[in-house]
PDB file of N, CA and C in Angstrom:
ATOM      1  N   UNK A   1     -71.209-111.174  87.903  1.00  0.00           N
ATOM      2  CA  UNK A   1     -72.304-110.517  87.382  1.00  0.00           C
ATOM      3  C   UNK A   1     -73.277-111.600  86.852  1.00  0.00           C
ATOM      4  N   UNK A   2     -74.501-111.664  87.307  1.00  0.00           N
ATOM      5  CA  UNK A   2     -75.543-112.677  86.892  1.00  0.00           C
ATOM      6  C   UNK A   2     -76.511-111.827  85.864  1.00  0.00           C
ATOM      7  N   UNK A   3     -76.651-112.406  84.788  1.00  0.00           N
ATOM      8  CA  UNK A   3     -77.422-111.770  83.695  1.00  0.00           C
ATOM      9  C   UNK A   3     -78.588-112.859  83.427  1.00  0.00           C
ATOM     10  N   UNK A   4     -79.867-112.435  83.320  1.00  0.00           N
ATOM     11  CA  UNK A   4     -80.951-113.270  83.307  1.00  0.00           C
ATOM     12  C   UNK A   4     -81.654-112.997  81.953  1.00  0.00           C
ATOM     13  N   UNK A   5     -81.879-113.781  81.016  1.00  0.00           N
ATOM     14  CA  UNK A   5     -82.655-113.633  79.713  1.00  0.00           C
ATOM     15  C   UNK A   5     -83.540-114.751  79.640  1.00  0.00           C
ATOM     16  N   UNK A   6     -84.552-114.551  78.644  1.00  0.00           N
ATOM     17  CA  UNK A   6     -85.285-115.739  78.295  1.00  0.00           C
ATOM     18  C   UNK A   6     -86.317-116.173  79.247  1.00  0.00           C
ATOM     19  N   UNK A   7     -86.560-115.237  80.109  1.00  0.00           N
ATOM     20  CA  UNK A   7     -87.727-115.717  81.092  1.00  0.00           C
ATOM     21  C   UNK A   7     -88.957-114.759  80.881  1.00  0.00           C
ATOM     22  N   UNK A   8     -90.094-114.993  81.555  1.00  0.00           N
ATOM     23  CA  UNK A   8     -91.346-114.240  81.249  1.00  0.00           C
ATOM     24  C   UNK A   8     -91.869-113.962  82.576  1.00  0.00           C
ATOM     25  N   UNK A   9     -92.143-112.852  82.938  1.00  0.00           N
ATOM     26  CA  UNK A   9     -92.881-112.281  84.228  1.00  0.00           C
ATOM     27  C   UNK A   9     -92.709-110.892  84.387  1.00  0.00           C
ATOM     28  N   UNK A  10     -92.877-110.510  85.576  1.00  0.00           N
ATOM     29  CA  UNK A  10     -92.706-108.897  85.886  1.00  0.00           C
ATOM     30  C   UNK A  10     -91.543-108.575  86.479  1.00  0.00           C
ATOM     31  N   UNK A  11     -90.939-109.554  87.442  1.00  0.00           N
ATOM     32  CA  UNK A  11     -89.752-109.200  88.090  1.00  0.00           C
ATOM     33  C   UNK A  11     -89.022-110.736  88.498  1.00  0.00           C
ATOM     34  N   UNK A  12     -87.861-110.504  88.873  1.00  0.00           N
ATOM     35  CA  UNK A  12     -87.090-111.559  89.429  1.00  0.00           C
ATOM     36  C   UNK A  12     -86.611-111.204  90.816  1.00  0.00           C
ATOM     37  N   UNK A  13     -86.738-112.354  91.737  1.00  0.00           N
ATOM     38  CA  UNK A  13     -86.184-112.131  93.094  1.00  0.00           C
ATOM     39  C   UNK A  13     -85.007-113.139  93.334  1.00  0.00           C
ATOM     40  N   UNK A  14     -83.788-112.453  93.775  1.00  0.00           N
ATOM     41  CA  UNK A  14     -82.655-113.429  93.866  1.00  0.00           C
ATOM     42  C   UNK A  14     -82.284-113.253  95.245  1.00  0.00           C
ATOM     43  N   UNK A  15     -81.972-114.491  95.796  1.00  0.00           N
ATOM     44  CA  UNK A  15     -81.568-114.664  97.222  1.00  0.00           C
ATOM     45  C   UNK A  15     -80.264-115.595  97.180  1.00  0.00           C
ATOM     46  N   UNK A  16     -79.039-115.149  97.539  1.00  0.00           N
ATOM     47  CA  UNK A  16     -77.965-115.752  97.523  1.00  0.00           C
ATOM     48  C   UNK A  16     -77.452-116.168  98.908  1.00  0.00           C
ATOM     49  N   UNK A  17     -77.420-117.475  99.233  1.00  0.00           N
ATOM     50  CA  UNK A  17     -77.022-118.070 100.469  1.00  0.00           C
ATOM     51  C   UNK A  17     -77.916-117.537 101.692  1.00  0.00           C
ATOM     52  N   UNK A  18     -79.178-117.247 101.330  1.00  0.00           N
ATOM     53  CA  UNK A  18     -79.965-116.924 102.563  1.00  0.00           C
ATOM     54  C   UNK A  18     -80.125-115.480 102.928  1.00  0.00           C
ATOM     55  N   UNK A  19     -79.400-114.633 102.090  1.00  0.00           N
ATOM     56  CA  UNK A  19     -79.401-113.292 102.280  1.00  0.00           C
ATOM     57  C   UNK A  19     -80.737-112.584 101.927  1.00  0.00           C
ATOM     58  N   UNK A  20     -80.826-111.292 102.086  1.00  0.00           N
ATOM     59  CA  UNK A  20     -82.068-110.666 101.748  1.00  0.00           C
ATOM     60  C   UNK A  20     -82.300-110.704 100.337  1.00  0.00           C
ATOM     61  N   UNK A  21     -83.446-110.840  99.918  1.00  0.00           N
ATOM     62  CA  UNK A  21     -83.877-110.985  98.615  1.00  0.00           C
ATOM     63  C   UNK A  21     -83.652-109.527  97.723  1.00  0.00           C
ATOM     64  N   UNK A  22     -83.100-109.666  96.517  1.00  0.00           N
ATOM     65  CA  UNK A  22     -82.921-108.598  95.664  1.00  0.00           C
ATOM     66  C   UNK A  22     -83.897-108.690  94.565  1.00  0.00           C
ATOM     67  N   UNK A  23     -84.561-107.622  94.399  1.00  0.00           N
ATOM     68  CA  UNK A  23     -85.705-107.657  93.203  1.00  0.00           C
ATOM     69  C   UNK A  23     -84.961-106.948  92.000  1.00  0.00           C
ATOM     70  N   UNK A  24     -85.154-107.709  90.865  1.00  0.00           N
ATOM     71  CA  UNK A  24     -84.780-107.240  89.610  1.00  0.00           C
ATOM     72  C   UNK A  24     -85.988-107.035  88.700  1.00  0.00           C
ATOM     73  N   UNK A  25     -86.303-105.747  88.507  1.00  0.00           N
ATOM     74  CA  UNK A  25     -87.634-105.562  87.690  1.00  0.00           C
ATOM     75  C   UNK A  25     -87.491-104.675  86.524  1.00  0.00           C
ATOM     76  N   UNK A  26     -86.308-104.213  86.219  1.00  0.00           N
ATOM     77  CA  UNK A  26     -86.144-103.479  85.001  1.00  0.00           C
ATOM     78  C   UNK A  26     -84.842-104.016  84.188  1.00  0.00           C
ATOM     79  N   UNK A  27     -84.887-103.700  82.832  1.00  0.00           N
ATOM     80  CA  UNK A  27     -83.836-104.236  81.990  1.00  0.00           C
ATOM     81  C   UNK A  27     -82.629-103.453  82.333  1.00  0.00           C
ATOM     82  N   UNK A  28     -81.472-103.949  82.422  1.00  0.00           N
ATOM     83  CA  UNK A  28     -81.097-105.108  81.560  1.00  0.00           C
ATOM     84  C   UNK A  28     -81.068-106.377  82.394  1.00  0.00           C
ATOM     85  N   UNK A  29     -81.846-106.572  83.425  1.00  0.00           N
ATOM     86  CA  UNK A  29     -82.057-107.617  84.310  1.00  0.00           C
ATOM     87  C   UNK A  29     -80.786-108.460  84.681  1.00  0.00           C
ATOM     88  N   UNK A  30     -80.022-107.580  85.386  1.00  0.00           N
ATOM     89  CA  UNK A  30     -78.667-108.170  85.899  1.00  0.00           C
ATOM     90  C   UNK A  30     -78.333-107.623  87.274  1.00  0.00           C
ATOM     91  N   UNK A  31     -77.616-108.529  87.943  1.00  0.00           N
ATOM     92  CA  UNK A  31     -77.265-108.119  89.388  1.00  0.00           C
ATOM     93  C   UNK A  31     -75.999-108.626  89.759  1.00  0.00           C
ATOM     94  N   UNK A  32     -75.314-107.781  90.456  1.00  0.00           N
ATOM     95  CA  UNK A  32     -73.848-108.190  90.928  1.00  0.00           C
ATOM     96  C   UNK A  32     -74.044-108.982  92.125  1.00  0.00           C
ATOM     97  N   UNK A  33     -73.516-110.131  92.099  1.00  0.00           N
ATOM     98  CA  UNK A  33     -73.570-111.145  93.278  1.00  0.00           C
ATOM     99  C   UNK A  33     -72.292-111.478  93.699  1.00  0.00           C
ATOM    100  N   UNK A  34     -72.129-111.591  94.917  1.00  0.00           N
ATOM    101  CA  UNK A  34     -70.776-111.811  95.502  1.00  0.00           C
ATOM    102  C   UNK A  34     -70.886-113.297  96.201  1.00  0.00           C
ATOM    103  N   UNK A  35     -70.550-114.409  95.493  1.00  0.00           N
ATOM    104  CA  UNK A  35     -70.543-115.635  96.061  1.00  0.00           C
ATOM    105  C   UNK A  35     -69.400-115.907  97.077  1.00  0.00           C
ATOM    106  N   UNK A  36     -69.643-116.726  97.950  1.00  0.00           N
ATOM    107  CA  UNK A  36     -68.495-117.193  98.775  1.00  0.00           C
ATOM    108  C   UNK A  36     -67.764-118.250  98.241  1.00  0.00           C
ATOM    109  N   UNK A  37     -66.560-118.567  98.602  1.00  0.00           N
ATOM    110  CA  UNK A  37     -65.720-119.503  98.090  1.00  0.00           C
ATOM    111  C   UNK A  37     -66.301-120.859  98.489  1.00  0.00           C
ATOM    112  N   UNK A  38     -66.480-121.664  97.510  1.00  0.00           N
ATOM    113  CA  UNK A  38     -67.013-122.992  97.663  1.00  0.00           C
ATOM    114  C   UNK A  38     -68.482-123.030  97.181  1.00  0.00           C
ATOM    115  N   UNK A  39     -69.277-123.878  97.980  1.00  0.00           N
ATOM    116  CA  UNK A  39     -70.658-124.076  97.419  1.00  0.00           C
ATOM    117  C   UNK A  39     -71.543-123.032  97.817  1.00  0.00           C
ATOM    118  N   UNK A  40     -72.410-122.491  97.037  1.00  0.00           N
ATOM    119  CA  UNK A  40     -73.361-121.485  97.253  1.00  0.00           C
ATOM    120  C   UNK A  40     -74.774-121.778  96.808  1.00  0.00           C
ATOM    121  N   UNK A  41     -75.729-121.199  97.324  1.00  0.00           N
ATOM    122  CA  UNK A  41     -77.134-121.509  97.117  1.00  0.00           C
ATOM    123  C   UNK A  41     -77.776-120.276  96.510  1.00  0.00           C
ATOM    124  N   UNK A  42     -78.193-120.366  95.316  1.00  0.00           N
ATOM    125  CA  UNK A  42     -78.965-119.207  94.596  1.00  0.00           C
ATOM    126  C   UNK A  42     -80.316-119.649  94.482  1.00  0.00           C
ATOM    127  N   UNK A  43     -81.207-118.945  95.090  1.00  0.00           N
ATOM    128  CA  UNK A  43     -82.786-119.065  94.913  1.00  0.00           C
ATOM    129  C   UNK A  43     -83.290-118.000  93.926  1.00  0.00           C
ATOM    130  N   UNK A  44     -84.011-118.434  92.852  1.00  0.00           N
ATOM    131  CA  UNK A  44     -84.573-117.476  91.881  1.00  0.00           C
ATOM    132  C   UNK A  44     -86.097-117.488  92.049  1.00  0.00           C
ATOM    133  N   UNK A  45     -86.781-116.478  92.249  1.00  0.00           N
ATOM    134  CA  UNK A  45     -88.264-116.459  92.172  1.00  0.00           C
ATOM    135  C   UNK A  45     -88.668-115.445  90.962  1.00  0.00           C
ATOM    136  N   UNK A  46     -89.587-115.993  90.232  1.00  0.00           N
ATOM    137  CA  UNK A  46     -90.152-115.295  89.018  1.00  0.00           C
ATOM    138  C   UNK A  46     -91.429-114.821  89.592  1.00  0.00           C
ATOM    139  N   UNK A  47     -91.676-113.497  89.541  1.00  0.00           N
ATOM    140  CA  UNK A  47     -92.948-112.980  89.976  1.00  0.00           C
ATOM    141  C   UNK A  47     -93.882-112.793  88.786  1.00  0.00           C
ATOM    142  N   UNK A  48     -95.099-113.270  88.843  1.00  0.00           N
ATOM    143  CA  UNK A  48     -96.102-113.216  87.813  1.00  0.00           C
ATOM    144  C   UNK A  48     -96.810-111.920  87.898  1.00  0.00           C
ATOM    145  N   UNK A  49     -97.927-111.768  87.279  1.00  0.00           N
ATOM    146  CA  UNK A  49     -98.869-110.610  87.228  1.00  0.00           C
ATOM    147  C   UNK A  49    -100.212-111.056  87.368  1.00  0.00           C
ATOM    148  N   UNK A  50    -101.100-110.022  87.451  1.00  0.00           N
ATOM    149  CA  UNK A  50    -102.537-110.362  87.648  1.00  0.00           C
ATOM    150  C   UNK A  50    -103.321-110.795  86.445  1.00  0.00           C
ATOM    151  N   UNK A  51    -102.611-110.665  85.257  1.00  0.00           N
ATOM    152  CA  UNK A  51    -103.293-111.046  84.026  1.00  0.00           C
ATOM    153  C   UNK A  51    -103.930-112.337  83.931  1.00  0.00           C
ATOM    154  N   UNK A  52    -103.133-113.314  84.509  1.00  0.00           N
ATOM    155  CA  UNK A  52    -103.548-114.788  84.575  1.00  0.00           C
ATOM    156  C   UNK A  52    -104.706-115.086  85.586  1.00  0.00           C
ATOM    157  N   UNK A  53    -104.708-114.159  86.543  1.00  0.00           N
ATOM    158  CA  UNK A  53    -105.794-114.435  87.649  1.00  0.00           C
ATOM    159  C   UNK A  53    -107.135-113.635  87.278  1.00  0.00           C
ATOM    160  N   UNK A  54    -106.957-112.451  86.571  1.00  0.00           N
ATOM    161  CA  UNK A  54    -108.120-111.588  86.625  1.00  0.00           C
ATOM    162  C   UNK A  54    -108.672-111.341  85.015  1.00  0.00           C
ATOM    163  N   UNK A  55    -107.754-111.812  84.119  1.00  0.00           N
ATOM    164  CA  UNK A  55    -108.077-111.650  82.667  1.00  0.00           C
ATOM    165  C   UNK A  55    -107.844-110.342  82.071  1.00  0.00           C
ATOM    166  N   UNK A  56    -108.345-110.061  80.976  1.00  0.00           N
ATOM    167  CA  UNK A  56    -109.285-110.812  80.160  1.00  0.00           C
ATOM    168  C   UNK A  56    -108.767-111.972  79.453  1.00  0.00           C
ATOM    169  N   UNK A  57    -109.614-113.040  79.472  1.00  0.00           N
ATOM    170  CA  UNK A  57    -109.149-114.517  79.150  1.00  0.00           C
ATOM    171  C   UNK A  57    -109.285-114.828  77.618  1.00  0.00           C
ATOM    172  N   UNK A  58    -110.407-114.295  77.079  1.00  0.00           N
ATOM    173  CA  UNK A  58    -110.880-114.861  75.714  1.00  0.00           C
ATOM    174  C   UNK A  58    -110.660-113.942  74.525  1.00  0.00           C
ATOM    175  N   UNK A  59    -109.536-113.091  74.556  1.00  0.00           N
ATOM    176  CA  UNK A  59    -109.120-112.447  73.374  1.00  0.00           C
ATOM    177  C   UNK A  59    -108.197-113.119  72.667  1.00  0.00           C
ATOM    178  N   UNK A  60    -108.070-113.119  71.287  1.00  0.00           N
ATOM    179  CA  UNK A  60    -107.332-114.089  70.407  1.00  0.00           C
ATOM    180  C   UNK A  60    -105.705-113.532  70.570  1.00  0.00           C
ATOM    181  N   UNK A  61    -105.529-112.230  70.834  1.00  0.00           N
ATOM    182  CA  UNK A  61    -104.080-111.762  70.849  1.00  0.00           C
ATOM    183  C   UNK A  61    -104.025-111.060  72.232  1.00  0.00           C
ATOM    184  N   UNK A  62    -102.831-110.892  72.585  1.00  0.00           N
ATOM    185  CA  UNK A  62    -102.497-110.075  73.843  1.00  0.00           C
ATOM    186  C   UNK A  62    -103.002-108.588  73.489  1.00  0.00           C
ATOM    187  N   UNK A  63    -103.851-107.951  74.482  1.00  0.00           N
ATOM    188  CA  UNK A  63    -104.270-106.635  74.150  1.00  0.00           C
ATOM    189  C   UNK A  63    -103.241-105.553  74.403  1.00  0.00           C
ATOM    190  N   UNK A  64    -103.396-104.557  73.589  1.00  0.00           N
ATOM    191  CA  UNK A  64    -102.390-103.434  73.853  1.00  0.00           C
ATOM    192  C   UNK A  64    -102.869-102.570  74.962  1.00  0.00           C
ATOM    193  N   UNK A  65    -104.225-102.539  75.093  1.00  0.00           N
ATOM    194  CA  UNK A  65    -104.871-101.741  76.199  1.00  0.00           C
ATOM    195  C   UNK A  65    -106.065-102.538  76.721  1.00  0.00           C
ATOM    196  N   UNK A  66    -106.118-102.727  78.102  1.00  0.00           N
ATOM    197  CA  UNK A  66    -107.326-103.379  78.612  1.00  0.00           C
ATOM    198  C   UNK A  66    -108.286-102.500  79.140  1.00  0.00           C
ATOM    199  N   UNK A  67    -109.543-102.591  78.445  1.00  0.00           N
ATOM    200  CA  UNK A  67    -110.593-101.635  78.973  1.00  0.00           C
ATOM    201  C   UNK A  67    -111.733-102.672  79.290  1.00  0.00           C
ATOM    202  N   UNK A  68    -112.787-102.033  79.941  1.00  0.00           N
ATOM    203  CA  UNK A  68    -113.990-102.926  80.246  1.00  0.00           C
ATOM    204  C   UNK A  68    -114.555-103.668  79.123  1.00  0.00           C
ATOM    205  N   UNK A  69    -114.478-103.120  77.994  1.00  0.00           N
ATOM    206  CA  UNK A  69    -115.049-103.858  76.823  1.00  0.00           C
ATOM    207  C   UNK A  69    -114.180-105.149  76.452  1.00  0.00           C
ATOM    208  N   UNK A  70    -112.881-105.254  76.920  1.00  0.00           N
ATOM    209  CA  UNK A  70    -112.102-106.359  76.719  1.00  0.00           C
ATOM    210  C   UNK A  70    -112.582-107.566  77.534  1.00  0.00           C
ATOM    211  N   UNK A  71    -113.274-107.437  78.520  1.00  0.00           N
ATOM    212  CA  UNK A  71    -113.781-108.408  79.301  1.00  0.00           C
ATOM    213  C   UNK A  71    -115.195-109.058  78.765  1.00  0.00           C
ATOM    214  N   UNK A  72    -115.786-108.241  77.853  1.00  0.00           N
ATOM    215  CA  UNK A  72    -117.005-108.748  77.342  1.00  0.00           C
ATOM    216  C   UNK A  72    -116.876-109.227  75.920  1.00  0.00           C
ATOM    217  N   UNK A  73    -115.554-109.202  75.434  1.00  0.00           N
ATOM    218  CA  UNK A  73    -115.287-109.678  73.983  1.00  0.00           C
ATOM    219  C   UNK A  73    -114.835-111.263  74.060  1.00  0.00           C
ATOM    220  N   UNK A  74    -115.417-111.927  73.290  1.00  0.00           N
ATOM    221  CA  UNK A  74    -115.131-113.514  73.296  1.00  0.00           C
ATOM    222  C   UNK A  74    -114.680-113.847  71.779  1.00  0.00           C
ATOM    223  N   UNK A  75    -113.418-113.809  71.499  1.00  0.00           N
ATOM    224  CA  UNK A  75    -112.868-114.184  70.316  1.00  0.00           C
ATOM    225  C   UNK A  75    -112.378-115.629  70.204  1.00  0.00           C
ATOM    226  N   UNK A  76    -112.184-116.232  71.454  1.00  0.00           N
ATOM    227  CA  UNK A  76    -111.984-117.716  71.391  1.00  0.00           C
ATOM    228  C   UNK A  76    -112.657-118.532  72.497  1.00  0.00           C
ATOM    229  N   UNK A  77    -112.668-119.752  72.363  1.00  0.00           N
ATOM    230  CA  UNK A  77    -113.491-120.576  73.323  1.00  0.00           C
ATOM    231  C   UNK A  77    -112.674-121.011  74.596  1.00  0.00           C
ATOM    232  N   UNK A  78    -111.275-120.981  74.326  1.00  0.00           N
ATOM    233  CA  UNK A  78    -110.409-121.394  75.382  1.00  0.00           C
ATOM    234  C   UNK A  78    -109.679-120.127  76.109  1.00  0.00           C
ATOM    235  N   UNK A  79    -109.401-120.277  77.483  1.00  0.00           N
ATOM    236  CA  UNK A  79    -108.716-119.207  78.089  1.00  0.00           C
ATOM    237  C   UNK A  79    -107.315-119.024  77.537  1.00  0.00           C
ATOM    238  N   UNK A  80    -106.936-117.834  77.266  1.00  0.00           N
ATOM    239  CA  UNK A  80    -105.675-117.419  76.785  1.00  0.00           C
ATOM    240  C   UNK A  80    -104.829-116.854  77.909  1.00  0.00           C
ATOM    241  N   UNK A  81    -103.829-117.763  78.456  1.00  0.00           N
ATOM    242  CA  UNK A  81    -103.006-117.368  79.540  1.00  0.00           C
ATOM    243  C   UNK A  81    -101.660-116.820  79.015  1.00  0.00           C
ATOM    244  N   UNK A  82    -100.911-116.077  79.874  1.00  0.00           N
ATOM    245  CA  UNK A  82     -99.684-115.413  79.537  1.00  0.00           C
ATOM    246  C   UNK A  82     -98.671-116.249  80.273  1.00  0.00           C
ATOM    247  N   UNK A  83     -97.694-116.809  79.566  1.00  0.00           N
ATOM    248  CA  UNK A  83     -96.659-117.645  80.265  1.00  0.00           C
ATOM    249  C   UNK A  83     -95.885-116.940  81.247  1.00  0.00           C
ATOM    250  N   UNK A  84     -95.433-117.440  82.334  1.00  0.00           N
ATOM    251  CA  UNK A  84     -94.557-116.932  83.306  1.00  0.00           C
ATOM    252  C   UNK A  84     -93.498-117.957  83.661  1.00  0.00           C
ATOM    253  N   UNK A  85     -92.358-117.632  83.778  1.00  0.00           N
ATOM    254  CA  UNK A  85     -91.310-118.514  84.365  1.00  0.00           C
ATOM    255  C   UNK A  85     -90.025-118.468  83.676  1.00  0.00           C
ATOM    256  N   UNK A  86     -89.123-119.381  84.003  1.00  0.00           N
ATOM    257  CA  UNK A  86     -87.727-119.262  83.284  1.00  0.00           C
ATOM    258  C   UNK A  86     -87.725-120.182  82.122  1.00  0.00           C
TER     259      UNK A  86
END
C-alpha cells in the first residue's frame, strides 16, 4: 500500500513499471500497488490547478470564494501563488 502525505495539488498520478497511470484525487490518497520482484520504476505526477495560471493573484490570503470582485482587489504588490508539489 502506497500512502502519500505532505504534498500540495489537486491529484496524483502513479505509474508503476510503465503500466497505465492511476489517478488518486480524493483522501485518503493511497493506492494498492503490486511491485514485481527486484527493481521497480515508480513515476509520480502531481497535478496542479488553474489558480496559479488564472488568478486572482493579489489577495493577501487564499480566498474562500472567488468572484469577479476578487480579480479587481489589490491587497499586495506581489503575485500570491499556491504551492504545488511533493
